[in-house]
Amino acid sequence: MAELQISDPTIITQRELATHANDIEHLQADMDKLVKDMEEMKGAIQRIEKMLAEEQSKDRTISKIITIISAVTGGAVVWVLEKVVK
């Protein structure tokens, strides 16, 4: 029976293909994990953007309320001063 030698081109090619297939499998697993991580990051960024938009809306509302209070207070001060000065 003929003994296979390590230098046999067919065996060398098969070993290389097996090594490459294993490497590709690991790369695919890494890529799948990266894609999952990216999706999680996109979700987190969307939640952050939503929170910021809500905060901006609250800031605008507070600013409008302060403006109204200032106008009413200013009007009341003017009215009182007009009554006191007369």
N, C-alpha and C. Protein backbone atom coordinates (compact mmCIF):
# COMPACT_ATOMS: atom_id res chain seq x y z
N MET A 1 0.83 -1.17 0.00
CA MET A 1 0.00 0.00 0.00
C MET A 1 0.88 1.23 0.00
N ALA A 2 0.49 2.20 -0.84
CA ALA A 2 1.30 3.41 -0.96
C ALA A 2 1.00 4.33 0.20
N GLU A 3 2.03 4.81 0.80
CA GLU A 3 1.89 5.71 1.92
C GLU A 3 1.75 7.14 1.40
N LEU A 4 0.79 7.89 1.97
CA LEU A 4 0.60 9.26 1.56
C LEU A 4 1.67 10.12 2.20
N GLN A 5 2.21 10.98 1.39
CA GLN A 5 3.24 11.86 1.91
C GLN A 5 2.64 13.24 2.16
N ILE A 6 3.21 13.91 3.13
CA ILE A 6 2.73 15.24 3.47
C ILE A 6 2.94 16.20 2.31
N SER A 7 3.86 15.92 1.46
CA SER A 7 4.14 16.80 0.33
C SER A 7 3.20 16.55 -0.85
N ASP A 8 2.25 15.63 -0.69
CA ASP A 8 1.28 15.35 -1.75
C ASP A 8 0.44 16.61 -1.99
N PRO A 9 0.41 17.15 -3.21
CA PRO A 9 -0.31 18.40 -3.50
C PRO A 9 -1.80 18.33 -3.15
N THR A 10 -2.41 17.18 -3.32
CA THR A 10 -3.84 17.05 -3.01
C THR A 10 -4.08 17.23 -1.52
N ILE A 11 -3.26 16.63 -0.71
CA ILE A 11 -3.41 16.74 0.75
C ILE A 11 -3.12 18.18 1.19
N ILE A 12 -2.10 18.77 0.63
CA ILE A 12 -1.75 20.16 0.98
C ILE A 12 -2.93 21.08 0.64
N THR A 13 -3.50 20.89 -0.54
CA THR A 13 -4.64 21.71 -0.97
C THR A 13 -5.84 21.51 -0.05
N GLN A 14 -6.12 20.26 0.30
CA GLN A 14 -7.24 19.98 1.20
C GLN A 14 -7.03 20.61 2.57
N ARG A 15 -5.83 20.56 3.08
CA ARG A 15 -5.53 21.18 4.38
C ARG A 15 -5.72 22.70 4.30
N GLU A 16 -5.22 23.29 3.22
CA GLU A 16 -5.36 24.73 3.06
C GLU A 16 -6.83 25.13 2.96
N LEU A 17 -7.61 24.34 2.19
CA LEU A 17 -9.03 24.63 2.06
C LEU A 17 -9.75 24.51 3.41
N ALA A 18 -9.39 23.50 4.18
CA ALA A 18 -9.99 23.33 5.50
C ALA A 18 -9.63 24.50 6.41
N THR A 19 -8.38 24.94 6.34
CA THR A 19 -7.94 26.07 7.15
C THR A 19 -8.69 27.34 6.74
N HIS A 20 -8.79 27.56 5.43
CA HIS A 20 -9.50 28.75 4.94
C HIS A 20 -10.99 28.70 5.30
N ALA A 21 -11.58 27.52 5.19
CA ALA A 21 -12.99 27.38 5.53
C ALA A 21 -13.20 27.71 7.01
N ASN A 22 -12.30 27.25 7.86
CA ASN A 22 -12.38 27.55 9.29
C ASN A 22 -12.21 29.05 9.54
N ASP A 23 -11.25 29.65 8.86
CA ASP A 23 -11.04 31.10 9.00
C ASP A 23 -12.27 31.88 8.56
N ILE A 24 -12.86 31.48 7.45
CA ILE A 24 -14.06 32.15 6.94
C ILE A 24 -15.21 32.00 7.93
N GLU A 25 -15.33 30.84 8.53
CA GLU A 25 -16.38 30.60 9.51
C GLU A 25 -16.23 31.56 10.71
N HIS A 26 -14.99 31.71 11.18
CA HIS A 26 -14.73 32.63 12.29
C HIS A 26 -14.99 34.08 11.89
N LEU A 27 -14.58 34.46 10.69
CA LEU A 27 -14.83 35.81 10.21
C LEU A 27 -16.32 36.10 10.10
N GLN A 28 -17.08 35.11 9.62
CA GLN A 28 -18.52 35.29 9.50
C GLN A 28 -19.16 35.46 10.87
N ALA A 29 -18.70 34.68 11.85
CA ALA A 29 -19.24 34.81 13.21
C ALA A 29 -18.92 36.21 13.77
N ASP A 30 -17.70 36.68 13.52
CA ASP A 30 -17.32 38.02 13.97
C ASP A 30 -18.18 39.09 13.29
N MET A 31 -18.40 38.94 12.00
CA MET A 31 -19.23 39.91 11.26
C MET A 31 -20.67 39.90 11.77
N ASP A 32 -21.20 38.72 12.05
CA ASP A 32 -22.56 38.63 12.58
C ASP A 32 -22.66 39.36 13.91
N LYS A 33 -21.64 39.20 14.75
CA LYS A 33 -21.63 39.88 16.05
C LYS A 33 -21.54 41.39 15.85
N LEU A 34 -20.70 41.84 14.91
CA LEU A 34 -20.58 43.27 14.64
C LEU A 34 -21.89 43.85 14.14
N VAL A 35 -22.58 43.13 13.28
CA VAL A 35 -23.86 43.60 12.75
C VAL A 35 -24.86 43.73 13.89
N LYS A 36 -24.89 42.75 14.78
CA LYS A 36 -25.79 42.80 15.93
C LYS A 36 -25.46 44.00 16.82
N ASP A 37 -24.17 44.20 17.08
CA ASP A 37 -23.74 45.33 17.90
C ASP A 37 -24.12 46.66 17.25
N MET A 38 -23.97 46.76 15.94
CA MET A 38 -24.32 47.98 15.22
C MET A 38 -25.82 48.26 15.33
N GLU A 39 -26.64 47.22 15.22
CA GLU A 39 -28.09 47.40 15.35
C GLU A 39 -28.44 47.90 16.75
N GLU A 40 -27.76 47.36 17.77
CA GLU A 40 -28.00 47.81 19.14
C GLU A 40 -27.59 49.27 19.31
N MET A 41 -26.46 49.66 18.71
CA MET A 41 -26.00 51.05 18.80
C MET A 41 -26.97 51.98 18.08
N LYS A 42 -27.47 51.57 16.92
CA LYS A 42 -28.43 52.40 16.21
C LYS A 42 -29.69 52.61 17.04
N GLY A 43 -30.15 51.55 17.70
CA GLY A 43 -31.31 51.68 18.58
C GLY A 43 -31.04 52.64 19.72
N ALA A 44 -29.85 52.54 20.31
CA ALA A 44 -29.49 53.43 21.43
C ALA A 44 -29.43 54.88 20.96
N ILE A 45 -28.87 55.12 19.79
CA ILE A 45 -28.78 56.48 19.25
C ILE A 45 -30.18 57.03 18.97
N GLN A 46 -31.07 56.19 18.45
CA GLN A 46 -32.43 56.64 18.19
C GLN A 46 -33.15 57.01 19.49
N ARG A 47 -32.91 56.21 20.55
CA ARG A 47 -33.53 56.54 21.83
C ARG A 47 -32.97 57.86 22.38
N ILE A 48 -31.68 58.07 22.23
CA ILE A 48 -31.04 59.31 22.69
C ILE A 48 -31.61 60.51 21.91
N GLU A 49 -31.73 60.36 20.60
CA GLU A 49 -32.28 61.44 19.78
C GLU A 49 -33.71 61.77 20.21
N LYS A 50 -34.50 60.74 20.51
CA LYS A 50 -35.88 60.95 20.94
C LYS A 50 -35.90 61.71 22.28
N MET A 51 -35.05 61.32 23.21
CA MET A 51 -34.98 62.00 24.51
C MET A 51 -34.57 63.45 24.34
N LEU A 52 -33.60 63.71 23.47
CA LEU A 52 -33.16 65.08 23.24
C LEU A 52 -34.28 65.92 22.64
N ALA A 53 -35.02 65.34 21.71
CA ALA A 53 -36.13 66.06 21.09
C ALA A 53 -37.19 66.39 22.14
N GLU A 54 -37.46 65.44 23.05
CA GLU A 54 -38.44 65.69 24.11
C GLU A 54 -37.95 66.79 25.04
N GLU A 55 -36.66 66.78 25.36
CA GLU A 55 -36.10 67.82 26.23
C GLU A 55 -36.18 69.19 25.57
N GLN A 56 -35.91 69.25 24.26
CA GLN A 56 -36.01 70.52 23.54
C GLN A 56 -37.45 71.03 23.57
N SER A 57 -38.38 70.10 23.43
CA SER A 57 -39.80 70.48 23.46
C SER A 57 -40.17 71.02 24.85
N LYS A 58 -39.67 70.36 25.89
CA LYS A 58 -39.93 70.84 27.26
C LYS A 58 -39.31 72.21 27.46
N ASP A 59 -38.09 72.41 26.95
CA ASP A 59 -37.42 73.71 27.09
C ASP A 59 -38.23 74.80 26.41
N ARG A 60 -38.76 74.51 25.23
CA ARG A 60 -39.56 75.51 24.53
C ARG A 60 -40.83 75.84 25.31
N THR A 61 -41.46 74.82 25.87
CA THR A 61 -42.68 75.02 26.65
C THR A 61 -42.38 75.87 27.88
N ILE A 62 -41.32 75.55 28.58
CA ILE A 62 -40.93 76.31 29.77
C ILE A 62 -40.62 77.76 29.38
N SER A 63 -39.95 77.94 28.26
CA SER A 63 -39.62 79.29 27.80
C SER A 63 -40.89 80.09 27.50
N LYS A 64 -41.87 79.45 26.89
CA LYS A 64 -43.14 80.13 26.60
C LYS A 64 -43.87 80.49 27.89
N ILE A 65 -43.87 79.58 28.85
CA ILE A 65 -44.53 79.85 30.13
C ILE A 65 -43.86 81.03 30.84
N ILE A 66 -42.53 81.04 30.84
CA ILE A 66 -41.79 82.14 31.48
C ILE A 66 -42.10 83.46 30.78
N THR A 67 -42.20 83.43 29.46
CA THR A 67 -42.53 84.65 28.72
C THR A 67 -43.91 85.16 29.11
N ILE A 68 -44.87 84.26 29.19
CA ILE A 68 -46.24 84.66 29.57
C ILE A 68 -46.26 85.22 30.98
N ILE A 69 -45.59 84.54 31.92
CA ILE A 69 -45.54 85.01 33.31
C ILE A 69 -44.88 86.39 33.38
N SER A 70 -43.80 86.56 32.62
CA SER A 70 -43.11 87.86 32.60
C SER A 70 -44.02 88.96 32.07
N ALA A 71 -44.76 88.66 31.02
CA ALA A 71 -45.66 89.65 30.44
C ALA A 71 -46.77 90.03 31.42
N VAL A 72 -47.33 89.02 32.06
CA VAL A 72 -48.40 89.28 33.03
C VAL A 72 -47.85 90.07 34.22
N THR A 73 -46.69 89.66 34.72
CA THR A 73 -46.08 90.36 35.86
C THR A 73 -45.74 91.80 35.47
N GLY A 74 -45.17 91.98 34.31
CA GLY A 74 -44.84 93.33 33.84
C GLY A 74 -46.09 94.19 33.72
N GLY A 75 -47.16 93.63 33.17
CA GLY A 75 -48.42 94.36 33.05
C GLY A 75 -48.98 94.73 34.41
N ALA A 76 -48.88 93.79 35.35
CA ALA A 76 -49.39 94.06 36.70
C ALA A 76 -48.58 95.16 37.37
N VAL A 77 -47.26 95.16 37.19
CA VAL A 77 -46.40 96.19 37.79
C VAL A 77 -46.75 97.55 37.20
N VAL A 78 -46.92 97.60 35.89
CA VAL A 78 -47.28 98.87 35.24
C VAL A 78 -48.63 99.35 35.76
N TRP A 79 -49.59 98.47 35.87
CA TRP A 79 -50.92 98.84 36.36
C TRP A 79 -50.85 99.39 37.79
N VAL A 80 -50.09 98.68 38.65
CA VAL A 80 -49.94 99.14 40.04
C VAL A 80 -49.25 100.48 40.08
N LEU A 81 -48.20 100.67 39.32
CA LEU A 81 -47.48 101.95 39.31
C LEU A 81 -48.37 103.07 38.82
N GLU A 82 -49.19 102.79 37.82
CA GLU A 82 -50.11 103.82 37.33
C GLU A 82 -51.10 104.22 38.42
N LYS A 83 -51.57 103.28 39.22
CA LYS A 83 -52.52 103.57 40.30
C LYS A 83 -51.83 104.34 41.43
N VAL A 84 -50.59 104.01 41.73
CA VAL A 84 -49.86 104.65 42.82
C VAL A 84 -49.46 106.06 42.41
N VAL A 85 -49.03 106.28 41.19
CA VAL A 85 -48.54 107.57 40.74
C VAL A 85 -49.71 108.54 40.62
N LYS A 86 -50.87 108.14 40.29
CA LYS A 86 -52.03 109.06 40.12
C LYS A 86 -52.47 109.54 41.41
